[in-house]
Amino acid sequence: MSRRVFWEIVEALSPHLQRRVTFYRVPLMLDYIIAYALYGWASGETYKTSTSSFGIGRASGLIAVEDVTRALLRVYRKKIVWPSGLRRLVVLRTFVAKGFPNSYGCIDCTHIYMYKLVNAPSENYFDRKHRFLVVAQVVVDLDLLVTDVFVGYPGSCHDIRVLQLSILWTRAKEAGLSRGPLVLLPLGVKTHGYILDDSGYPPMEWIVVPYGGTGRFVDDERFDNKQRVAKGAVERAFGRLKGRWRFFLRTDKMNTDTLPQQFQVVCISHNIPLDVGIDFDENLLWEVDVNGMRQRVELGLDYPPRPIAGNFNRPRALALHEALAKRMKHE
């Protein structure tokens, strides 16, 4: 984050923060509090040490992070918003270039790992590999901007269940992903909009997944390749988000009461540099292991062991699938 962007954030948050003092009655200036919170999310040291490098004790640090989290959500909540107006036209145009007209983004889940909880039902928080985690569902566009985030459900919940409990599911079921006009595709198929995902989700009338399997036709392979390239945007977004804000990259102590709000704030902080055109340092995606070998960081993406199938408006889902594949064939 550049110095200019930091001071813009300080100026925007200052009316919503109170000046704090530490246990030793040492006053903490507002810019100092904001810098402490951002540094903790970026370095991953918020709950690892009692003083970090700011000389702030654990209790004062926890209060500072909670205050900054609430202020960021209050001031920058609209940084995470479903595409509308001019932004909607830009998003749709980029997906048309990839072969997916009227697509609104790519969806996937990432895992936020934690140590075993003490005062909570731990069995709810471990997945099939017995790792303790919380699931975060994120939708991004091709510019890697986060347009929807839903986080907080424990690791025992499957990605499909998390989707069904999210506001995105309610929006899609009640009014579709867009209130705009229908788009006509080949074979007479009409759509209000859809999002892209991998075969871990079932095919639906508003979720487009690859064909998958073996022995596919040439047209199916073409479709899967283009879908995989477009859907890769969400994985690149996770890399930038967790690479820059490393508190959610490692296994650490987590407060499950404030974790959802903090992850939303980190998604907001991911969008801010993109809005102002700050380049991402690709070196953040690499680390040196205990043997001195350079390797890519683990982003917490866990793919289901096999494709999910089910009766989720399957005829309409297959019709949308075939229409998009036919359109690509004649491009």
C-alpha atoms as a PDB file:
ATOM      1  CA  MET A   1       0.000   0.000   0.000  1.00  0.00           C
ATOM      2  CA  SER A   2       1.401   3.405  -0.954  1.00  0.00           C
ATOM      3  CA  ARG A   3       1.893   6.242   1.519  1.00  0.00           C
ATOM      4  CA  ARG A   4      -0.754   8.338  -0.265  1.00  0.00           C
ATOM      5  CA  VAL A   5      -3.396   5.614  -0.024  1.00  0.00           C
ATOM      6  CA  PHE A   6      -2.574   5.057   3.652  1.00  0.00           C
ATOM      7  CA  TRP A   7      -3.095   8.704   4.529  1.00  0.00           C
ATOM      8  CA  GLU A   8      -6.337   8.767   2.553  1.00  0.00           C
ATOM      9  CA  ILE A   9      -7.549   5.842   4.677  1.00  0.00           C
ATOM     10  CA  VAL A  10      -6.444   7.620   7.869  1.00  0.00           C
ATOM     11  CA  GLU A  11      -8.318  10.757   6.846  1.00  0.00           C
ATOM     12  CA  ALA A  12     -11.478   8.776   6.046  1.00  0.00           C
ATOM     13  CA  LEU A  13     -11.416   6.727   9.264  1.00  0.00           C
ATOM     14  CA  SER A  14     -10.426   9.466  11.715  1.00  0.00           C
ATOM     15  CA  PRO A  15     -13.992  10.738  12.355  1.00  0.00           C
ATOM     16  CA  HIS A  16     -15.049   7.177  13.255  1.00  0.00           C
ATOM     17  CA  LEU A  17     -12.218   6.346  15.677  1.00  0.00           C
ATOM     18  CA  GLN A  18     -11.543   7.435  19.231  1.00  0.00           C
ATOM     19  CA  ARG A  19      -8.065   8.143  20.533  1.00  0.00           C
ATOM     20  CA  ARG A  20      -7.010   5.252  22.791  1.00  0.00           C
ATOM     21  CA  VAL A  21      -4.531   4.883  25.613  1.00  0.00           C
ATOM     22  CA  THR A  22      -2.628   1.767  26.609  1.00  0.00           C
ATOM     23  CA  PHE A  23      -2.626   0.045  29.994  1.00  0.00           C
ATOM     24  CA  TYR A  24       0.317   2.283  30.905  1.00  0.00           C
ATOM     25  CA  ARG A  25      -1.639   5.426  29.925  1.00  0.00           C
ATOM     26  CA  VAL A  26       0.440   5.968  26.814  1.00  0.00           C
ATOM     27  CA  PRO A  27      -1.700   7.793  24.215  1.00  0.00           C
ATOM     28  CA  LEU A  28      -2.099   6.175  20.808  1.00  0.00           C
ATOM     29  CA  MET A  29      -2.617   8.493  17.848  1.00  0.00           C
ATOM     30  CA  LEU A  30      -5.235   7.535  15.254  1.00  0.00           C
ATOM     31  CA  ASP A  31      -2.725   6.991  12.437  1.00  0.00           C
ATOM     32  CA  TYR A  32      -0.701   4.793  14.808  1.00  0.00           C
ATOM     33  CA  ILE A  33      -3.761   2.637  15.565  1.00  0.00           C
ATOM     34  CA  ILE A  34      -4.641   2.244  11.871  1.00  0.00           C
ATOM     35  CA  ALA A  35      -1.037   1.408  10.965  1.00  0.00           C
ATOM     36  CA  TYR A  36      -0.941  -1.212  13.734  1.00  0.00           C
ATOM     37  CA  ALA A  37      -4.083  -2.962  12.444  1.00  0.00           C
ATOM     38  CA  LEU A  38      -2.971  -2.919   8.805  1.00  0.00           C
ATOM     39  CA  TYR A  39       0.495  -4.151   9.755  1.00  0.00           C
ATOM     40  CA  GLY A  40      -1.005  -7.022  11.733  1.00  0.00           C
ATOM     41  CA  TRP A  41      -3.134  -8.174   8.814  1.00  0.00           C
ATOM     42  CA  ALA A  42      -0.226  -7.803   6.388  1.00  0.00           C
ATOM     43  CA  SER A  43       2.384  -9.566   8.543  1.00  0.00           C
ATOM     44  CA  GLY A  44       0.176 -12.072  10.351  1.00  0.00           C
ATOM     45  CA  GLU A  45       1.519 -11.068  13.750  1.00  0.00           C
ATOM     46  CA  THR A  46      -1.693  -9.720  15.306  1.00  0.00           C
ATOM     47  CA  TYR A  47      -2.213 -12.650  17.665  1.00  0.00           C
ATOM     48  CA  LYS A  48       1.266 -14.150  17.624  1.00  0.00           C
ATOM     49  CA  THR A  49       3.079 -11.633  19.818  1.00  0.00           C
ATOM     50  CA  SER A  50       2.024  -9.355  22.625  1.00  0.00           C
ATOM     51  CA  THR A  51       3.805  -6.236  21.398  1.00  0.00           C
ATOM     52  CA  SER A  52       4.470  -6.739  17.659  1.00  0.00           C
ATOM     53  CA  SER A  53       6.876  -3.934  16.680  1.00  0.00           C
ATOM     54  CA  PHE A  54       4.639  -1.073  17.818  1.00  0.00           C
ATOM     55  CA  GLY A  55       5.021  -1.336  21.589  1.00  0.00           C
ATOM     56  CA  ILE A  56       1.279  -1.965  21.957  1.00  0.00           C
ATOM     57  CA  GLY A  57       0.197  -4.592  24.459  1.00  0.00           C
ATOM     58  CA  ARG A  58      -2.108  -7.482  23.610  1.00  0.00           C
ATOM     59  CA  ALA A  59      -5.248  -6.029  25.177  1.00  0.00           C
ATOM     60  CA  SER A  60      -4.785  -2.589  23.590  1.00  0.00           C
ATOM     61  CA  GLY A  61      -3.917  -4.230  20.283  1.00  0.00           C
ATOM     62  CA  LEU A  62      -7.098  -6.296  20.227  1.00  0.00           C
ATOM     63  CA  ILE A  63      -9.205  -3.214  20.907  1.00  0.00           C
ATOM     64  CA  ALA A  64      -7.349  -1.264  18.207  1.00  0.00           C
ATOM     65  CA  VAL A  65      -7.961  -3.979  15.593  1.00  0.00           C
ATOM     66  CA  GLU A  66     -11.669  -4.177  16.469  1.00  0.00           C
ATOM     67  CA  ASP A  67     -12.035  -0.393  16.267  1.00  0.00           C
ATOM     68  CA  VAL A  68     -10.300  -0.174  12.888  1.00  0.00           C
ATOM     69  CA  THR A  69     -12.353  -3.098  11.587  1.00  0.00           C
ATOM     70  CA  ARG A  70     -15.642  -1.410  12.469  1.00  0.00           C
ATOM     71  CA  ALA A  71     -14.497   1.900  10.999  1.00  0.00           C
ATOM     72  CA  LEU A  72     -13.363   0.343   7.710  1.00  0.00           C
ATOM     73  CA  LEU A  73     -16.663  -1.495   7.331  1.00  0.00           C
ATOM     74  CA  ARG A  74     -18.583   1.702   8.024  1.00  0.00           C
ATOM     75  CA  VAL A  75     -16.621   3.898   5.615  1.00  0.00           C
ATOM     76  CA  TYR A  76     -15.644   1.495   2.805  1.00  0.00           C
ATOM     77  CA  ARG A  77     -18.520  -1.001   2.783  1.00  0.00           C
ATOM     78  CA  LYS A  78     -19.410  -0.073  -0.800  1.00  0.00           C
ATOM     79  CA  LYS A  79     -15.969  -1.197  -1.963  1.00  0.00           C
ATOM     80  CA  ILE A  80     -17.523  -4.682  -2.100  1.00  0.00           C
ATOM     81  CA  VAL A  81     -20.658  -4.362  -4.187  1.00  0.00           C
ATOM     82  CA  TRP A  82     -22.360  -6.377  -6.913  1.00  0.00           C
ATOM     83  CA  PRO A  83     -21.667  -4.882 -10.369  1.00  0.00           C
ATOM     84  CA  SER A  84     -24.216  -2.276 -11.423  1.00  0.00           C
ATOM     85  CA  GLY A  85     -24.349   0.750 -13.670  1.00  0.00           C
ATOM     86  CA  LEU A  86     -21.123   1.509 -15.526  1.00  0.00           C
ATOM     87  CA  ARG A  87     -19.180  -1.125 -13.573  1.00  0.00           C
ATOM     88  CA  ARG A  88     -21.686  -3.771 -14.703  1.00  0.00           C
ATOM     89  CA  LEU A  89     -21.065  -2.871 -18.359  1.00  0.00           C
ATOM     90  CA  VAL A  90     -17.301  -3.146 -17.857  1.00  0.00           C
ATOM     91  CA  VAL A  91     -17.594  -6.569 -16.175  1.00  0.00           C
ATOM     92  CA  LEU A  92     -19.922  -7.939 -18.862  1.00  0.00           C
ATOM     93  CA  ARG A  93     -17.648  -6.671 -21.642  1.00  0.00           C
ATOM     94  CA  THR A  94     -14.592  -8.418 -20.191  1.00  0.00           C
ATOM     95  CA  PHE A  95     -16.449 -11.726 -19.913  1.00  0.00           C
ATOM     96  CA  VAL A  96     -17.768 -11.434 -23.474  1.00  0.00           C
ATOM     97  CA  ALA A  97     -14.145 -11.267 -24.631  1.00  0.00           C
ATOM     98  CA  LYS A  98     -13.555 -14.579 -22.806  1.00  0.00           C
ATOM     99  CA  GLY A  99     -16.562 -16.242 -24.460  1.00  0.00           C
ATOM    100  CA  PHE A 100     -19.066 -15.923 -21.605  1.00  0.00           C
ATOM    101  CA  PRO A 101     -21.638 -13.188 -22.377  1.00  0.00           C
ATOM    102  CA  ASN A 102     -23.676 -11.922 -19.409  1.00  0.00           C
ATOM    103  CA  SER A 103     -21.377 -13.532 -16.824  1.00  0.00           C
ATOM    104  CA  TYR A 104     -20.992 -11.627 -13.568  1.00  0.00           C
ATOM    105  CA  GLY A 105     -17.923 -13.268 -12.084  1.00  0.00           C
ATOM    106  CA  CYS A 106     -16.248 -16.384 -10.728  1.00  0.00           C
ATOM    107  CA  ILE A 107     -17.010 -18.000  -7.383  1.00  0.00           C
ATOM    108  CA  ASP A 108     -14.931 -20.223  -5.137  1.00  0.00           C
ATOM    109  CA  CYS A 109     -14.214 -20.889  -1.487  1.00  0.00           C
ATOM    110  CA  THR A 110     -10.978 -20.526   0.427  1.00  0.00           C
ATOM    111  CA  HIS A 111     -10.120 -21.787   3.892  1.00  0.00           C
ATOM    112  CA  ILE A 112      -8.949 -19.777   6.878  1.00  0.00           C
ATOM    113  CA  TYR A 113      -6.998 -22.188   9.074  1.00  0.00           C
ATOM    114  CA  MET A 114      -6.919 -21.959  12.848  1.00  0.00           C
ATOM    115  CA  TYR A 115      -5.754 -23.809  15.916  1.00  0.00           C
ATOM    116  CA  LYS A 116      -8.191 -26.044  17.769  1.00  0.00           C
ATOM    117  CA  LEU A 117     -10.816 -24.003  19.564  1.00  0.00           C
ATOM    118  CA  VAL A 118     -11.123 -24.236  23.337  1.00  0.00           C
ATOM    119  CA  ASN A 119     -14.604 -22.944  24.152  1.00  0.00           C
ATOM    120  CA  ALA A 120     -16.419 -24.047  21.007  1.00  0.00           C
ATOM    121  CA  PRO A 121     -17.568 -27.368  19.483  1.00  0.00           C
ATOM    122  CA  SER A 122     -14.291 -28.201  17.750  1.00  0.00           C
ATOM    123  CA  GLU A 123     -15.793 -31.025  15.684  1.00  0.00           C
ATOM    124  CA  ASN A 124     -17.746 -28.425  13.720  1.00  0.00           C
ATOM    125  CA  TYR A 125     -14.570 -26.696  12.634  1.00  0.00           C
ATOM    126  CA  PHE A 126     -12.532 -29.485  11.082  1.00  0.00           C
ATOM    127  CA  ASP A 127     -12.895 -30.733   7.542  1.00  0.00           C
ATOM    128  CA  ARG A 128     -12.526 -34.228   6.110  1.00  0.00           C
ATOM    129  CA  LYS A 129      -8.740 -33.948   6.583  1.00  0.00           C
ATOM    130  CA  HIS A 130      -9.225 -32.975  10.241  1.00  0.00           C
ATOM    131  CA  ARG A 131      -7.856 -29.468   9.814  1.00  0.00           C
ATOM    132  CA  PHE A 132      -9.553 -26.715  11.784  1.00  0.00           C
ATOM    133  CA  LEU A 133     -10.830 -23.917   9.576  1.00  0.00           C
ATOM    134  CA  VAL A 134     -13.527 -21.440   8.605  1.00  0.00           C
ATOM    135  CA  VAL A 135     -14.890 -21.296   5.041  1.00  0.00           C
ATOM    136  CA  ALA A 136     -14.896 -18.034   3.069  1.00  0.00           C
ATOM    137  CA  GLN A 137     -16.934 -17.803  -0.150  1.00  0.00           C
ATOM    138  CA  VAL A 138     -15.819 -15.090  -2.574  1.00  0.00           C
ATOM    139  CA  VAL A 139     -16.980 -13.851  -5.999  1.00  0.00           C
ATOM    140  CA  VAL A 140     -14.557 -11.852  -8.166  1.00  0.00           C
ATOM    141  CA  ASP A 141     -14.620 -10.360 -11.656  1.00  0.00           C
ATOM    142  CA  LEU A 142     -11.891 -10.607 -14.272  1.00  0.00           C
ATOM    143  CA  ASP A 143     -10.181  -7.509 -12.867  1.00  0.00           C
ATOM    144  CA  LEU A 144      -9.772  -9.519  -9.612  1.00  0.00           C
ATOM    145  CA  LEU A 145     -12.088  -7.167  -7.685  1.00  0.00           C
ATOM    146  CA  VAL A 146     -14.098  -8.860  -4.923  1.00  0.00           C
ATOM    147  CA  THR A 147     -17.805  -8.267  -5.599  1.00  0.00           C
ATOM    148  CA  ASP A 148     -19.335 -10.566  -2.979  1.00  0.00           C
ATOM    149  CA  VAL A 149     -18.007 -12.236   0.182  1.00  0.00           C
ATOM    150  CA  PHE A 150     -19.623 -14.592   2.676  1.00  0.00           C
ATOM    151  CA  VAL A 151     -17.532 -15.943   5.551  1.00  0.00           C
ATOM    152  CA  GLY A 152     -18.005 -17.496   8.965  1.00  0.00           C
ATOM    153  CA  TYR A 153     -19.257 -21.052   8.561  1.00  0.00           C
ATOM    154  CA  PRO A 154     -17.084 -23.799  10.109  1.00  0.00           C
ATOM    155  CA  GLY A 155     -15.009 -26.242   8.096  1.00  0.00           C
ATOM    156  CA  SER A 156     -17.473 -29.126   8.398  1.00  0.00           C
ATOM    157  CA  CYS A 157     -19.847 -27.250   6.022  1.00  0.00           C
ATOM    158  CA  HIS A 158     -19.488 -28.225   2.375  1.00  0.00           C
ATOM    159  CA  ASP A 159     -19.063 -25.414  -0.141  1.00  0.00           C
ATOM    160  CA  ILE A 160     -22.550 -26.152  -1.504  1.00  0.00           C
ATOM    161  CA  ARG A 161     -24.104 -25.712   1.933  1.00  0.00           C
ATOM    162  CA  VAL A 162     -22.231 -22.443   2.425  1.00  0.00           C
ATOM    163  CA  LEU A 163     -23.575 -21.226  -0.923  1.00  0.00           C
ATOM    164  CA  GLN A 164     -27.145 -22.168   0.019  1.00  0.00           C
ATOM    165  CA  LEU A 165     -26.860 -20.187   3.257  1.00  0.00           C
ATOM    166  CA  SER A 166     -25.439 -17.081   1.589  1.00  0.00           C
ATOM    167  CA  ILE A 167     -27.238 -13.951   0.438  1.00  0.00           C
ATOM    168  CA  LEU A 168     -26.026 -14.697  -3.096  1.00  0.00           C
ATOM    169  CA  TRP A 169     -28.213 -17.827  -3.177  1.00  0.00           C
ATOM    170  CA  THR A 170     -31.252 -15.864  -2.012  1.00  0.00           C
ATOM    171  CA  ARG A 171     -30.643 -13.140  -4.581  1.00  0.00           C
ATOM    172  CA  ALA A 172     -30.249 -15.639  -7.412  1.00  0.00           C
ATOM    173  CA  LYS A 173     -33.374 -17.595  -6.432  1.00  0.00           C
ATOM    174  CA  GLU A 174     -35.644 -14.588  -5.925  1.00  0.00           C
ATOM    175  CA  ALA A 175     -34.633 -12.155  -8.643  1.00  0.00           C
ATOM    176  CA  GLY A 176     -31.664 -13.598 -10.512  1.00  0.00           C
ATOM    177  CA  LEU A 177     -28.166 -12.187 -10.461  1.00  0.00           C
ATOM    178  CA  SER A 178     -29.257  -9.098 -12.393  1.00  0.00           C
ATOM    179  CA  ARG A 179     -32.339  -6.984 -12.840  1.00  0.00           C
ATOM    180  CA  GLY A 180     -31.213  -6.107 -16.343  1.00  0.00           C
ATOM    181  CA  PRO A 181     -32.726  -7.383 -19.586  1.00  0.00           C
ATOM    182  CA  LEU A 182     -32.507 -11.002 -20.631  1.00  0.00           C
ATOM    183  CA  VAL A 183     -29.677 -11.968 -22.964  1.00  0.00           C
ATOM    184  CA  LEU A 184     -30.510 -14.326 -25.821  1.00  0.00           C
ATOM    185  CA  LEU A 185     -28.002 -17.117 -26.485  1.00  0.00           C
ATOM    186  CA  PRO A 186     -27.955 -19.777 -29.234  1.00  0.00           C
ATOM    187  CA  LEU A 187     -30.654 -22.481 -29.142  1.00  0.00           C
ATOM    188  CA  GLY A 188     -33.134 -19.896 -27.839  1.00  0.00           C
ATOM    189  CA  VAL A 189     -31.679 -19.915 -24.304  1.00  0.00           C
ATOM    190  CA  LYS A 190     -32.266 -16.767 -22.236  1.00  0.00           C
ATOM    191  CA  THR A 191     -30.339 -15.776 -19.137  1.00  0.00           C
ATOM    192  CA  HIS A 192     -30.382 -12.978 -16.562  1.00  0.00           C
ATOM    193  CA  GLY A 193     -26.765 -13.733 -15.706  1.00  0.00           C
ATOM    194  CA  TYR A 194     -24.561 -16.450 -14.251  1.00  0.00           C
ATOM    195  CA  ILE A 195     -21.220 -17.055 -12.547  1.00  0.00           C
ATOM    196  CA  LEU A 196     -18.420 -19.522 -13.256  1.00  0.00           C
ATOM    197  CA  ASP A 197     -17.078 -22.233 -10.976  1.00  0.00           C
ATOM    198  CA  ASP A 198     -15.345 -25.615 -11.006  1.00  0.00           C
ATOM    199  CA  SER A 199     -16.935 -29.071 -10.893  1.00  0.00           C
ATOM    200  CA  GLY A 200     -17.099 -28.937  -7.105  1.00  0.00           C
ATOM    201  CA  TYR A 201     -20.442 -27.194  -7.583  1.00  0.00           C
ATOM    202  CA  PRO A 202     -23.474 -28.667  -9.353  1.00  0.00           C
ATOM    203  CA  PRO A 203     -24.543 -27.253 -12.731  1.00  0.00           C
ATOM    204  CA  MET A 204     -27.351 -24.746 -12.205  1.00  0.00           C
ATOM    205  CA  GLU A 205     -29.179 -22.179 -14.294  1.00  0.00           C
ATOM    206  CA  TRP A 206     -26.917 -19.474 -12.810  1.00  0.00           C
ATOM    207  CA  ILE A 207     -23.712 -21.464 -12.194  1.00  0.00           C
ATOM    208  CA  VAL A 208     -21.682 -22.704 -15.179  1.00  0.00           C
ATOM    209  CA  VAL A 209     -19.203 -25.504 -14.514  1.00  0.00           C
ATOM    210  CA  PRO A 210     -16.913 -27.431 -16.919  1.00  0.00           C
ATOM    211  CA  TYR A 211     -17.975 -30.662 -18.604  1.00  0.00           C
ATOM    212  CA  GLY A 212     -15.102 -32.564 -17.042  1.00  0.00           C
ATOM    213  CA  GLY A 213     -14.543 -36.289 -17.425  1.00  0.00           C
ATOM    214  CA  THR A 214     -12.562 -38.168 -20.037  1.00  0.00           C
ATOM    215  CA  GLY A 215     -13.221 -38.906 -23.681  1.00  0.00           C
ATOM    216  CA  ARG A 216     -14.703 -35.472 -24.310  1.00  0.00           C
ATOM    217  CA  PHE A 217     -15.539 -34.070 -27.730  1.00  0.00           C
ATOM    218  CA  VAL A 218     -13.463 -31.271 -29.215  1.00  0.00           C
ATOM    219  CA  ASP A 219     -16.208 -28.727 -28.509  1.00  0.00           C
ATOM    220  CA  ASP A 220     -16.393 -29.833 -24.871  1.00  0.00           C
ATOM    221  CA  GLU A 221     -12.629 -29.482 -24.454  1.00  0.00           C
ATOM    222  CA  ARG A 222     -12.718 -26.020 -25.995  1.00  0.00           C
ATOM    223  CA  PHE A 223     -15.449 -25.007 -23.584  1.00  0.00           C
ATOM    224  CA  ASP A 224     -13.624 -26.438 -20.562  1.00  0.00           C
ATOM    225  CA  ASN A 225     -10.363 -24.710 -21.504  1.00  0.00           C
ATOM    226  CA  LYS A 226     -12.019 -21.312 -21.840  1.00  0.00           C
ATOM    227  CA  GLN A 227     -14.022 -21.819 -18.671  1.00  0.00           C
ATOM    228  CA  ARG A 228     -10.896 -22.822 -16.752  1.00  0.00           C
ATOM    229  CA  VAL A 229      -8.974 -19.763 -17.978  1.00  0.00           C
ATOM    230  CA  ALA A 230     -11.773 -17.360 -17.020  1.00  0.00           C
ATOM    231  CA  LYS A 231     -12.455 -19.040 -13.693  1.00  0.00           C
ATOM    232  CA  GLY A 232      -8.763 -18.830 -12.822  1.00  0.00           C
ATOM    233  CA  ALA A 233      -9.395 -15.180 -11.912  1.00  0.00           C
ATOM    234  CA  VAL A 234     -10.706 -16.180  -8.491  1.00  0.00           C
ATOM    235  CA  GLU A 235      -7.563 -18.174  -7.686  1.00  0.00           C
ATOM    236  CA  ARG A 236      -5.361 -15.259  -8.760  1.00  0.00           C
ATOM    237  CA  ALA A 237      -7.463 -13.000  -6.548  1.00  0.00           C
ATOM    238  CA  PHE A 238      -6.970 -15.337  -3.578  1.00  0.00           C
ATOM    239  CA  GLY A 239      -3.239 -15.278  -4.240  1.00  0.00           C
ATOM    240  CA  ARG A 240      -3.113 -11.493  -4.176  1.00  0.00           C
ATOM    241  CA  LEU A 241      -5.437 -11.200  -1.195  1.00  0.00           C
ATOM    242  CA  LYS A 242      -3.631 -13.717   0.998  1.00  0.00           C
ATOM    243  CA  GLY A 243      -0.199 -12.807  -0.302  1.00  0.00           C
ATOM    244  CA  ARG A 244      -0.659  -9.166   0.677  1.00  0.00           C
ATOM    245  CA  TRP A 245      -2.677  -9.801   3.876  1.00  0.00           C
ATOM    246  CA  ARG A 246      -0.881 -12.791   5.341  1.00  0.00           C
ATOM    247  CA  PHE A 247      -2.833 -13.016   8.582  1.00  0.00           C
ATOM    248  CA  PHE A 248      -5.317 -15.219   6.655  1.00  0.00           C
ATOM    249  CA  LEU A 249      -2.580 -17.233   4.981  1.00  0.00           C
ATOM    250  CA  ARG A 250      -1.227 -19.056   8.042  1.00  0.00           C
ATOM    251  CA  THR A 251      -2.711 -21.243  10.721  1.00  0.00           C
ATOM    252  CA  ASP A 252      -3.171 -19.006  13.726  1.00  0.00           C
ATOM    253  CA  LYS A 253      -5.329 -18.249  16.735  1.00  0.00           C
ATOM    254  CA  MET A 254      -8.643 -16.853  15.548  1.00  0.00           C
ATOM    255  CA  ASN A 255     -11.483 -15.068  17.282  1.00  0.00           C
ATOM    256  CA  THR A 256     -14.512 -16.582  15.556  1.00  0.00           C
ATOM    257  CA  ASP A 257     -16.671 -13.670  16.727  1.00  0.00           C
ATOM    258  CA  THR A 258     -14.681 -11.040  14.820  1.00  0.00           C
ATOM    259  CA  LEU A 259     -13.167 -13.213  12.065  1.00  0.00           C
ATOM    260  CA  PRO A 260     -15.961 -12.627   9.483  1.00  0.00           C
ATOM    261  CA  GLN A 261     -15.722  -8.857   9.874  1.00  0.00           C
ATOM    262  CA  GLN A 262     -11.927  -8.892   9.643  1.00  0.00           C
ATOM    263  CA  PHE A 263     -11.976 -10.989   6.473  1.00  0.00           C
ATOM    264  CA  GLN A 264     -14.489  -8.603   4.889  1.00  0.00           C
ATOM    265  CA  VAL A 265     -12.184  -5.716   5.774  1.00  0.00           C
ATOM    266  CA  VAL A 266      -9.241  -7.525   4.186  1.00  0.00           C
ATOM    267  CA  CYS A 267     -11.322  -7.993   1.003  1.00  0.00           C
ATOM    268  CA  ILE A 268     -12.018  -4.249   1.073  1.00  0.00           C
ATOM    269  CA  SER A 269      -8.292  -3.614   1.530  1.00  0.00           C
ATOM    270  CA  HIS A 270      -7.692  -5.922  -1.446  1.00  0.00           C
ATOM    271  CA  ASN A 271     -10.010  -3.837  -3.645  1.00  0.00           C
ATOM    272  CA  ILE A 272      -8.605  -0.426  -2.671  1.00  0.00           C
ATOM    273  CA  PRO A 273      -5.152  -0.905  -4.323  1.00  0.00           C
ATOM    274  CA  LEU A 274      -6.844  -2.310  -7.435  1.00  0.00           C
ATOM    275  CA  ASP A 275      -9.090   0.746  -7.688  1.00  0.00           C
ATOM    276  CA  VAL A 276      -6.115   3.121  -7.619  1.00  0.00           C
ATOM    277  CA  GLY A 277      -3.896   0.994  -9.879  1.00  0.00           C
ATOM    278  CA  ILE A 278      -1.236  -0.157  -7.396  1.00  0.00           C
ATOM    279  CA  ASP A 279       0.773  -3.050  -8.842  1.00  0.00           C
ATOM    280  CA  PHE A 280       1.012  -6.332  -6.956  1.00  0.00           C
ATOM    281  CA  ASP A 281       4.440  -7.717  -6.050  1.00  0.00           C
ATOM    282  CA  GLU A 282       4.457 -11.298  -7.326  1.00  0.00           C
ATOM    283  CA  ASN A 283       7.264 -12.152  -4.893  1.00  0.00           C
ATOM    284  CA  LEU A 284       4.631 -12.185  -2.144  1.00  0.00           C
ATOM    285  CA  LEU A 285       3.364 -15.473  -3.594  1.00  0.00           C
ATOM    286  CA  TRP A 286       6.681 -17.197  -2.873  1.00  0.00           C
ATOM    287  CA  GLU A 287       8.381 -18.201   0.349  1.00  0.00           C
ATOM    288  CA  VAL A 288      11.447 -20.120   1.542  1.00  0.00           C
ATOM    289  CA  ASP A 289      10.769 -23.381   3.395  1.00  0.00           C
ATOM    290  CA  VAL A 290      12.748 -24.859   6.289  1.00  0.00           C
ATOM    291  CA  ASN A 291      15.126 -26.510   3.788  1.00  0.00           C
ATOM    292  CA  GLY A 292      15.920 -23.224   2.104  1.00  0.00           C
ATOM    293  CA  MET A 293      13.903 -24.081  -1.025  1.00  0.00           C
ATOM    294  CA  ARG A 294      11.776 -21.416  -2.684  1.00  0.00           C
ATOM    295  CA  GLN A 295       8.157 -22.485  -3.148  1.00  0.00           C
ATOM    296  CA  ARG A 296       4.735 -20.986  -3.762  1.00  0.00           C
ATOM    297  CA  VAL A 297       2.650 -20.258  -0.692  1.00  0.00           C
ATOM    298  CA  GLU A 298      -0.329 -22.471   0.157  1.00  0.00           C
ATOM    299  CA  LEU A 299      -3.492 -20.462  -0.478  1.00  0.00           C
ATOM    300  CA  GLY A 300      -5.948 -22.708   1.356  1.00  0.00           C
ATOM    301  CA  LEU A 301      -7.839 -23.857  -1.744  1.00  0.00           C
ATOM    302  CA  ASP A 302      -9.282 -27.312  -1.151  1.00  0.00           C
ATOM    303  CA  TYR A 303     -10.899 -29.018  -4.107  1.00  0.00           C
ATOM    304  CA  PRO A 304     -13.664 -31.600  -3.568  1.00  0.00           C
ATOM    305  CA  PRO A 305     -12.583 -35.213  -4.159  1.00  0.00           C
ATOM    306  CA  ARG A 306     -15.094 -35.676  -6.974  1.00  0.00           C
ATOM    307  CA  PRO A 307     -17.589 -33.602  -8.985  1.00  0.00           C
ATOM    308  CA  ILE A 308     -20.900 -32.836  -7.328  1.00  0.00           C
ATOM    309  CA  ALA A 309     -24.050 -33.895  -9.143  1.00  0.00           C
ATOM    310  CA  GLY A 310     -27.629 -33.297  -8.174  1.00  0.00           C
ATOM    311  CA  ASN A 311     -31.050 -32.189  -9.291  1.00  0.00           C
ATOM    312  CA  PHE A 312     -30.490 -28.426  -9.153  1.00  0.00           C
ATOM    313  CA  ASN A 313     -32.688 -27.181 -12.061  1.00  0.00           C
ATOM    314  CA  ARG A 314     -30.629 -29.506 -14.214  1.00  0.00           C
ATOM    315  CA  PRO A 315     -32.517 -29.123 -17.539  1.00  0.00           C
ATOM    316  CA  ARG A 316     -32.082 -25.343 -17.537  1.00  0.00           C
ATOM    317  CA  ALA A 317     -28.486 -25.699 -16.405  1.00  0.00           C
ATOM    318  CA  LEU A 318     -27.657 -28.064 -19.266  1.00  0.00           C
ATOM    319  CA  ALA A 319     -29.453 -25.805 -21.745  1.00  0.00           C
ATOM    320  CA  LEU A 320     -27.299 -22.839 -20.682  1.00  0.00           C
ATOM    321  CA  HIS A 321     -24.210 -25.030 -20.897  1.00  0.00           C
ATOM    322  CA  GLU A 322     -24.985 -26.180 -24.445  1.00  0.00           C
ATOM    323  CA  ALA A 323     -25.869 -22.662 -25.595  1.00  0.00           C
ATOM    324  CA  LEU A 324     -22.541 -21.256 -24.414  1.00  0.00           C
ATOM    325  CA  ALA A 325     -20.609 -24.150 -25.968  1.00  0.00           C
ATOM    326  CA  LYS A 326     -22.408 -23.659 -29.298  1.00  0.00           C
ATOM    327  CA  ARG A 327     -21.671 -19.939 -29.247  1.00  0.00           C
ATOM    328  CA  MET A 328     -17.963 -20.631 -28.733  1.00  0.00           C
ATOM    329  CA  LYS A 329     -17.957 -23.091 -31.620  1.00  0.00           C
ATOM    330  CA  HIS A 330     -19.072 -20.365 -34.048  1.00  0.00           C
ATOM    331  CA  GLU A 331     -16.882 -17.539 -32.738  1.00  0.00           C
END
